[in-house]
Amino acid sequence: MSNVLKPVPDQSTDRDDDFTRDDMLEVLSNQRRRFVIHYLKQNGDDASVSEITDRVASWEYGKEIDELTHRERKRVRNALRQFHLPKMADYGFIEFDSRQGTVELTETISHTNFYVDSLTDNSVPWGVYYLGLSLLSAICLAGVWLGIFPFDRFSPLLWGLFFVTTLSVSSVGHFYDNYYRMRLGARETPPEVTEK
C-alpha cells in the first residue's frame, strides 16, 4: 500500500475530522474496508449494507453478483456489519446506521483521494522502472562522454532531447497510473481486483 493523501478541508462540514496517518493506515489496512470506500466513491457516497455486501463479496470471490452463494454473501455481510463498518464509523470515515442498514461516506472522506499501490499480474513497481531508466541514462551519458560507438553517433543535444522525452512520457504514464488506476473510486473495480 502506498502513500495516503491528506483530506481536502471543506468549510461546509460541521465535523472537525482530523485524521492522522495512523488512522488512515489502520482503516485502509484491510481489503474489505478499501472495497467499501471504493464502492461508495463509485456510487454517490452512500449505499445500503446489502448493496455493499454484494459488490464486496463479488470482488472478493471474483464472481458476478448473481453467482454468489448465500454462504459467501452471509460471510461478508456479517464481517462488515459486526466489525468493519463499525470500525470505519468509529474512525470517522463513514456514517453507519445499523438499524436502517445504510452507509454513507463522511464529507471529509468523500473529498479525500486514497491511492493504493497494488501490483497485479506482471506489473513493475514505478521505483524499479525509474531505477532502470536512470541506469540506462547513466550508461548512455558515459558512452557519449567517452565517445564510444554507437553513443558517439548522435550529438549531446539529441541525447538530451531523448532523455527529456523519455522522462516526460514516463511521468505522464506514472500520473495516469496513479490517478486512474490506483485511486480508490477511480475505476469500476478496486486496484486489487484483476479484471477478467
C-alpha atoms as a PDB file:
ATOM      1  CA  MET A   1       0.000   0.000   0.000  1.00  0.00           C
ATOM      2  CA  SER A   2       1.358   3.378  -0.916  1.00  0.00           C
ATOM      3  CA  ASN A   3       1.018   6.906   0.332  1.00  0.00           C
ATOM      4  CA  VAL A   4      -2.326   8.203   1.541  1.00  0.00           C
ATOM      5  CA  LEU A   5      -3.196  11.804   0.771  1.00  0.00           C
ATOM      6  CA  LYS A   6      -4.394  14.172   3.493  1.00  0.00           C
ATOM      7  CA  PRO A   7      -8.080  15.066   3.495  1.00  0.00           C
ATOM      8  CA  VAL A   8      -9.059  18.113   1.491  1.00  0.00           C
ATOM      9  CA  PRO A   9     -10.563  20.544   4.003  1.00  0.00           C
ATOM     10  CA  ASP A  10     -14.177  21.501   3.364  1.00  0.00           C
ATOM     11  CA  GLN A  11     -15.512  24.639   5.055  1.00  0.00           C
ATOM     12  CA  SER A  12     -19.133  23.405   4.906  1.00  0.00           C
ATOM     13  CA  THR A  13     -18.662  20.401   7.176  1.00  0.00           C
ATOM     14  CA  ASP A  14     -19.797  20.581  10.805  1.00  0.00           C
ATOM     15  CA  ARG A  15     -17.324  17.974  11.975  1.00  0.00           C
ATOM     16  CA  ASP A  16     -13.690  18.700  12.537  1.00  0.00           C
ATOM     17  CA  ASP A  17     -12.326  15.402  11.259  1.00  0.00           C
ATOM     18  CA  ASP A  18      -8.602  15.373  11.791  1.00  0.00           C
ATOM     19  CA  PHE A  19      -7.360  12.033  10.551  1.00  0.00           C
ATOM     20  CA  THR A  20      -3.869  11.016  11.468  1.00  0.00           C
ATOM     21  CA  ARG A  21      -1.724   8.962   9.162  1.00  0.00           C
ATOM     22  CA  ASP A  22      -2.125   6.040  11.582  1.00  0.00           C
ATOM     23  CA  ASP A  23      -5.942   6.343  11.425  1.00  0.00           C
ATOM     24  CA  MET A  24      -5.878   6.208   7.645  1.00  0.00           C
ATOM     25  CA  LEU A  25      -3.441   3.317   7.529  1.00  0.00           C
ATOM     26  CA  GLU A  26      -5.497   1.406  10.111  1.00  0.00           C
ATOM     27  CA  VAL A  27      -8.716   1.750   8.121  1.00  0.00           C
ATOM     28  CA  LEU A  28      -7.043   1.123   4.766  1.00  0.00           C
ATOM     29  CA  SER A  29      -5.045  -1.859   6.049  1.00  0.00           C
ATOM     30  CA  ASN A  30      -7.970  -4.179   5.342  1.00  0.00           C
ATOM     31  CA  GLN A  31      -9.045  -5.079   1.828  1.00  0.00           C
ATOM     32  CA  ARG A  32     -12.764  -5.196   2.674  1.00  0.00           C
ATOM     33  CA  ARG A  33     -12.657  -1.674   4.091  1.00  0.00           C
ATOM     34  CA  ARG A  34     -10.839  -0.458   0.965  1.00  0.00           C
ATOM     35  CA  PHE A  35     -13.525  -2.145  -1.124  1.00  0.00           C
ATOM     36  CA  VAL A  36     -16.246  -0.355   0.884  1.00  0.00           C
ATOM     37  CA  ILE A  37     -14.610   3.046   0.289  1.00  0.00           C
ATOM     38  CA  HIS A  38     -14.121   2.250  -3.385  1.00  0.00           C
ATOM     39  CA  TYR A  39     -17.750   1.202  -3.821  1.00  0.00           C
ATOM     40  CA  LEU A  40     -19.106   4.260  -2.024  1.00  0.00           C
ATOM     41  CA  LYS A  41     -16.917   6.623  -4.059  1.00  0.00           C
ATOM     42  CA  GLN A  42     -18.140   4.918  -7.243  1.00  0.00           C
ATOM     43  CA  ASN A  43     -21.815   5.098  -6.268  1.00  0.00           C
ATOM     44  CA  GLY A  44     -22.528   8.542  -4.893  1.00  0.00           C
ATOM     45  CA  ASP A  45     -21.024   8.224  -1.381  1.00  0.00           C
ATOM     46  CA  ASP A  46     -23.932   6.257   0.124  1.00  0.00           C
ATOM     47  CA  ALA A  47     -25.497   2.812  -0.199  1.00  0.00           C
ATOM     48  CA  SER A  48     -27.261   0.081   1.712  1.00  0.00           C
ATOM     49  CA  VAL A  49     -25.330  -2.617   3.542  1.00  0.00           C
ATOM     50  CA  SER A  50     -26.919  -5.131   1.190  1.00  0.00           C
ATOM     51  CA  GLU A  51     -25.611  -3.362  -1.927  1.00  0.00           C
ATOM     52  CA  ILE A  52     -22.144  -3.029  -0.411  1.00  0.00           C
ATOM     53  CA  THR A  53     -22.153  -6.673   0.677  1.00  0.00           C
ATOM     54  CA  ASP A  54     -22.992  -7.891  -2.820  1.00  0.00           C
ATOM     55  CA  ARG A  55     -20.293  -5.830  -4.506  1.00  0.00           C
ATOM     56  CA  VAL A  56     -17.576  -6.512  -1.894  1.00  0.00           C
ATOM     57  CA  ALA A  57     -18.314 -10.256  -1.991  1.00  0.00           C
ATOM     58  CA  SER A  58     -18.264 -10.164  -5.802  1.00  0.00           C
ATOM     59  CA  TRP A  59     -14.818  -8.537  -5.825  1.00  0.00           C
ATOM     60  CA  GLU A  60     -13.520 -10.743  -3.031  1.00  0.00           C
ATOM     61  CA  TYR A  61     -14.618 -14.034  -4.591  1.00  0.00           C
ATOM     62  CA  GLY A  62     -14.010 -12.960  -8.202  1.00  0.00           C
ATOM     63  CA  LYS A  63     -17.594 -13.760  -9.205  1.00  0.00           C
ATOM     64  CA  GLU A  64     -20.543 -11.900 -10.661  1.00  0.00           C
ATOM     65  CA  ILE A  65     -23.101 -10.909  -8.029  1.00  0.00           C
ATOM     66  CA  ASP A  66     -25.703 -13.393  -9.295  1.00  0.00           C
ATOM     67  CA  GLU A  67     -23.148 -16.220  -8.990  1.00  0.00           C
ATOM     68  CA  LEU A  68     -22.510 -15.647  -5.260  1.00  0.00           C
ATOM     69  CA  THR A  69     -23.790 -18.271  -2.858  1.00  0.00           C
ATOM     70  CA  HIS A  70     -25.841 -17.414   0.210  1.00  0.00           C
ATOM     71  CA  ARG A  71     -22.924 -18.523   2.406  1.00  0.00           C
ATOM     72  CA  GLU A  72     -20.444 -16.198   0.623  1.00  0.00           C
ATOM     73  CA  ARG A  73     -22.805 -13.210   0.965  1.00  0.00           C
ATOM     74  CA  LYS A  74     -23.524 -14.000   4.608  1.00  0.00           C
ATOM     75  CA  ARG A  75     -19.837 -14.318   5.464  1.00  0.00           C
ATOM     76  CA  VAL A  76     -19.061 -10.876   4.016  1.00  0.00           C
ATOM     77  CA  ARG A  77     -22.237  -9.234   5.398  1.00  0.00           C
ATOM     78  CA  ASN A  78     -21.552 -10.474   8.942  1.00  0.00           C
ATOM     79  CA  ALA A  79     -17.938  -9.285   8.859  1.00  0.00           C
ATOM     80  CA  LEU A  80     -18.991  -5.886   7.521  1.00  0.00           C
ATOM     81  CA  ARG A  81     -21.871  -5.355   9.974  1.00  0.00           C
ATOM     82  CA  GLN A  82     -20.116  -6.689  13.062  1.00  0.00           C
ATOM     83  CA  PHE A  83     -16.606  -5.386  12.569  1.00  0.00           C
ATOM     84  CA  HIS A  84     -15.588  -3.358   9.521  1.00  0.00           C
ATOM     85  CA  LEU A  85     -18.420  -0.821   9.234  1.00  0.00           C
ATOM     86  CA  PRO A  86     -18.482  -0.004  12.980  1.00  0.00           C
ATOM     87  CA  LYS A  87     -14.695   0.414  12.924  1.00  0.00           C
ATOM     88  CA  MET A  88     -14.875   2.725   9.922  1.00  0.00           C
ATOM     89  CA  ALA A  89     -17.599   4.716  11.680  1.00  0.00           C
ATOM     90  CA  ASP A  90     -15.513   4.939  14.875  1.00  0.00           C
ATOM     91  CA  TYR A  91     -12.638   6.403  12.863  1.00  0.00           C
ATOM     92  CA  GLY A  92     -14.998   8.906  11.202  1.00  0.00           C
ATOM     93  CA  PHE A  93     -14.732   7.520   7.682  1.00  0.00           C
ATOM     94  CA  ILE A  94     -18.410   6.653   7.329  1.00  0.00           C
ATOM     95  CA  GLU A  95     -21.761   7.194   8.958  1.00  0.00           C
ATOM     96  CA  PHE A  96     -23.270   3.776   9.617  1.00  0.00           C
ATOM     97  CA  ASP A  97     -26.885   3.312  10.680  1.00  0.00           C
ATOM     98  CA  SER A  98     -27.087  -0.349  11.669  1.00  0.00           C
ATOM     99  CA  ARG A  99     -30.878  -0.241  12.170  1.00  0.00           C
ATOM    100  CA  GLN A 100     -31.600   1.235   8.736  1.00  0.00           C
ATOM    101  CA  GLY A 101     -28.744  -0.694   7.129  1.00  0.00           C
ATOM    102  CA  THR A 102     -27.303   2.407   5.454  1.00  0.00           C
ATOM    103  CA  VAL A 103     -23.730   3.553   4.990  1.00  0.00           C
ATOM    104  CA  GLU A 104     -22.519   6.980   3.881  1.00  0.00           C
ATOM    105  CA  LEU A 105     -19.044   8.441   3.483  1.00  0.00           C
ATOM    106  CA  THR A 106     -18.383  11.412   5.734  1.00  0.00           C
ATOM    107  CA  GLU A 107     -17.956  14.754   3.984  1.00  0.00           C
ATOM    108  CA  THR A 108     -14.196  14.775   4.531  1.00  0.00           C
ATOM    109  CA  ILE A 109     -13.663  11.247   3.241  1.00  0.00           C
ATOM    110  CA  SER A 110     -15.822  11.828   0.167  1.00  0.00           C
ATOM    111  CA  HIS A 111     -13.405  14.643  -0.801  1.00  0.00           C
ATOM    112  CA  THR A 112     -10.255  12.657   0.030  1.00  0.00           C
ATOM    113  CA  ASN A 113      -8.322  10.682  -2.550  1.00  0.00           C
ATOM    114  CA  PHE A 114      -6.743   7.414  -1.459  1.00  0.00           C
ATOM    115  CA  TYR A 115      -4.093   5.763  -3.600  1.00  0.00           C
ATOM    116  CA  VAL A 116      -3.389   2.063  -3.227  1.00  0.00           C
ATOM    117  CA  ASP A 117      -0.245   0.694  -4.796  1.00  0.00           C
ATOM    118  CA  SER A 118      -1.240  -2.728  -5.983  1.00  0.00           C
ATOM    119  CA  LEU A 119       0.982  -4.841  -8.171  1.00  0.00           C
ATOM    120  CA  THR A 120      -1.177  -7.058 -10.300  1.00  0.00           C
ATOM    121  CA  ASP A 121      -0.110  -9.550 -12.929  1.00  0.00           C
ATOM    122  CA  ASN A 122       3.404  -8.744 -14.133  1.00  0.00           C
ATOM    123  CA  SER A 123       3.457  -5.088 -13.065  1.00  0.00           C
ATOM    124  CA  VAL A 124       6.804  -3.477 -12.383  1.00  0.00           C
ATOM    125  CA  PRO A 125       6.899  -1.045  -9.435  1.00  0.00           C
ATOM    126  CA  TRP A 126       7.496   2.525 -10.549  1.00  0.00           C
ATOM    127  CA  GLY A 127      10.584   2.756  -8.323  1.00  0.00           C
ATOM    128  CA  VAL A 128      12.204  -0.150 -10.171  1.00  0.00           C
ATOM    129  CA  TYR A 129      11.197   1.371 -13.522  1.00  0.00           C
ATOM    130  CA  TYR A 130      12.825   4.722 -12.664  1.00  0.00           C
ATOM    131  CA  LEU A 131      15.912   2.964 -11.333  1.00  0.00           C
ATOM    132  CA  GLY A 132      16.269   1.174 -14.681  1.00  0.00           C
ATOM    133  CA  LEU A 133      15.674   4.412 -16.581  1.00  0.00           C
ATOM    134  CA  SER A 134      18.361   6.146 -14.511  1.00  0.00           C
ATOM    135  CA  LEU A 135      20.826   3.307 -15.143  1.00  0.00           C
ATOM    136  CA  LEU A 136      20.150   3.416 -18.894  1.00  0.00           C
ATOM    137  CA  SER A 137      20.623   7.209 -18.891  1.00  0.00           C
ATOM    138  CA  ALA A 138      23.916   6.908 -16.986  1.00  0.00           C
ATOM    139  CA  ILE A 139      25.219   4.301 -19.451  1.00  0.00           C
ATOM    140  CA  CYS A 140      24.235   6.471 -22.416  1.00  0.00           C
ATOM    141  CA  LEU A 141      25.839   9.581 -20.917  1.00  0.00           C
ATOM    142  CA  ALA A 142      29.025   7.693 -20.117  1.00  0.00           C
ATOM    143  CA  GLY A 143      29.113   6.395 -23.706  1.00  0.00           C
ATOM    144  CA  VAL A 144      28.669   9.923 -25.092  1.00  0.00           C
ATOM    145  CA  TRP A 145      31.322  11.342 -22.751  1.00  0.00           C
ATOM    146  CA  LEU A 146      33.836   8.608 -23.605  1.00  0.00           C
ATOM    147  CA  GLY A 147      32.986   8.723 -27.337  1.00  0.00           C
ATOM    148  CA  ILE A 148      32.088   5.025 -27.505  1.00  0.00           C
ATOM    149  CA  PHE A 149      30.231   3.652 -30.521  1.00  0.00           C
ATOM    150  CA  PRO A 150      27.153   3.846 -31.018  1.00  0.00           C
ATOM    151  CA  PHE A 151      26.731   6.649 -28.474  1.00  0.00           C
ATOM    152  CA  ASP A 152      29.028   8.964 -30.402  1.00  0.00           C
ATOM    153  CA  ARG A 153      26.754   8.757 -33.478  1.00  0.00           C
ATOM    154  CA  PHE A 154      24.352  11.338 -32.021  1.00  0.00           C
ATOM    155  CA  SER A 155      25.006  14.807 -30.682  1.00  0.00           C
ATOM    156  CA  PRO A 156      24.694  15.548 -26.960  1.00  0.00           C
ATOM    157  CA  LEU A 157      21.696  17.752 -27.829  1.00  0.00           C
ATOM    158  CA  LEU A 158      19.855  14.762 -29.367  1.00  0.00           C
ATOM    159  CA  TRP A 159      20.689  12.622 -26.329  1.00  0.00           C
ATOM    160  CA  GLY A 160      19.368  15.390 -24.067  1.00  0.00           C
ATOM    161  CA  LEU A 161      16.167  15.537 -26.124  1.00  0.00           C
ATOM    162  CA  PHE A 162      15.866  11.748 -25.857  1.00  0.00           C
ATOM    163  CA  PHE A 163      16.257  11.829 -22.048  1.00  0.00           C
ATOM    164  CA  VAL A 164      13.767  14.682 -21.579  1.00  0.00           C
ATOM    165  CA  THR A 165      11.213  12.991 -23.854  1.00  0.00           C
ATOM    166  CA  THR A 166      11.641   9.631 -22.111  1.00  0.00           C
ATOM    167  CA  LEU A 167      11.276  11.200 -18.676  1.00  0.00           C
ATOM    168  CA  SER A 168       8.237  13.230 -19.772  1.00  0.00           C
ATOM    169  CA  VAL A 169       6.444  10.221 -21.265  1.00  0.00           C
ATOM    170  CA  SER A 170       7.274   8.157 -18.146  1.00  0.00           C
ATOM    171  CA  SER A 171       5.953  10.892 -15.860  1.00  0.00           C
ATOM    172  CA  VAL A 172       2.675  11.128 -17.778  1.00  0.00           C
ATOM    173  CA  GLY A 173       2.335   7.330 -17.602  1.00  0.00           C
ATOM    174  CA  HIS A 174       3.063   7.357 -13.871  1.00  0.00           C
ATOM    175  CA  PHE A 175       0.500  10.125 -13.267  1.00  0.00           C
ATOM    176  CA  TYR A 176      -2.127   8.249 -15.275  1.00  0.00           C
ATOM    177  CA  ASP A 177      -1.369   5.009 -13.447  1.00  0.00           C
ATOM    178  CA  ASN A 178      -1.707   6.649 -10.021  1.00  0.00           C
ATOM    179  CA  TYR A 179      -4.701   8.826 -10.722  1.00  0.00           C
ATOM    180  CA  TYR A 180      -6.791   6.479 -12.857  1.00  0.00           C
ATOM    181  CA  ARG A 181      -5.676   3.009 -11.855  1.00  0.00           C
ATOM    182  CA  MET A 182      -4.548   3.178  -8.225  1.00  0.00           C
ATOM    183  CA  ARG A 183      -7.019   5.710  -6.770  1.00  0.00           C
ATOM    184  CA  LEU A 184      -9.919   4.216  -4.820  1.00  0.00           C
ATOM    185  CA  GLY A 185     -13.141   5.010  -6.638  1.00  0.00           C
ATOM    186  CA  ALA A 186     -11.482   5.975  -9.950  1.00  0.00           C
ATOM    187  CA  ARG A 187     -12.345   2.787 -11.841  1.00  0.00           C
ATOM    188  CA  GLU A 188     -15.221   0.379 -11.791  1.00  0.00           C
ATOM    189  CA  THR A 189     -13.220  -2.170  -9.786  1.00  0.00           C
ATOM    190  CA  PRO A 190     -10.687  -1.559  -6.998  1.00  0.00           C
ATOM    191  CA  PRO A 191      -6.978  -1.646  -7.917  1.00  0.00           C
ATOM    192  CA  GLU A 192      -6.560  -5.045  -6.256  1.00  0.00           C
ATOM    193  CA  VAL A 193      -9.243  -6.747  -8.341  1.00  0.00           C
ATOM    194  CA  THR A 194      -7.919  -8.173 -11.562  1.00  0.00           C
ATOM    195  CA  GLU A 195     -10.375  -7.725 -14.371  1.00  0.00           C
ATOM    196  CA  LYS A 196     -11.463 -10.824 -16.228  1.00  0.00           C
END
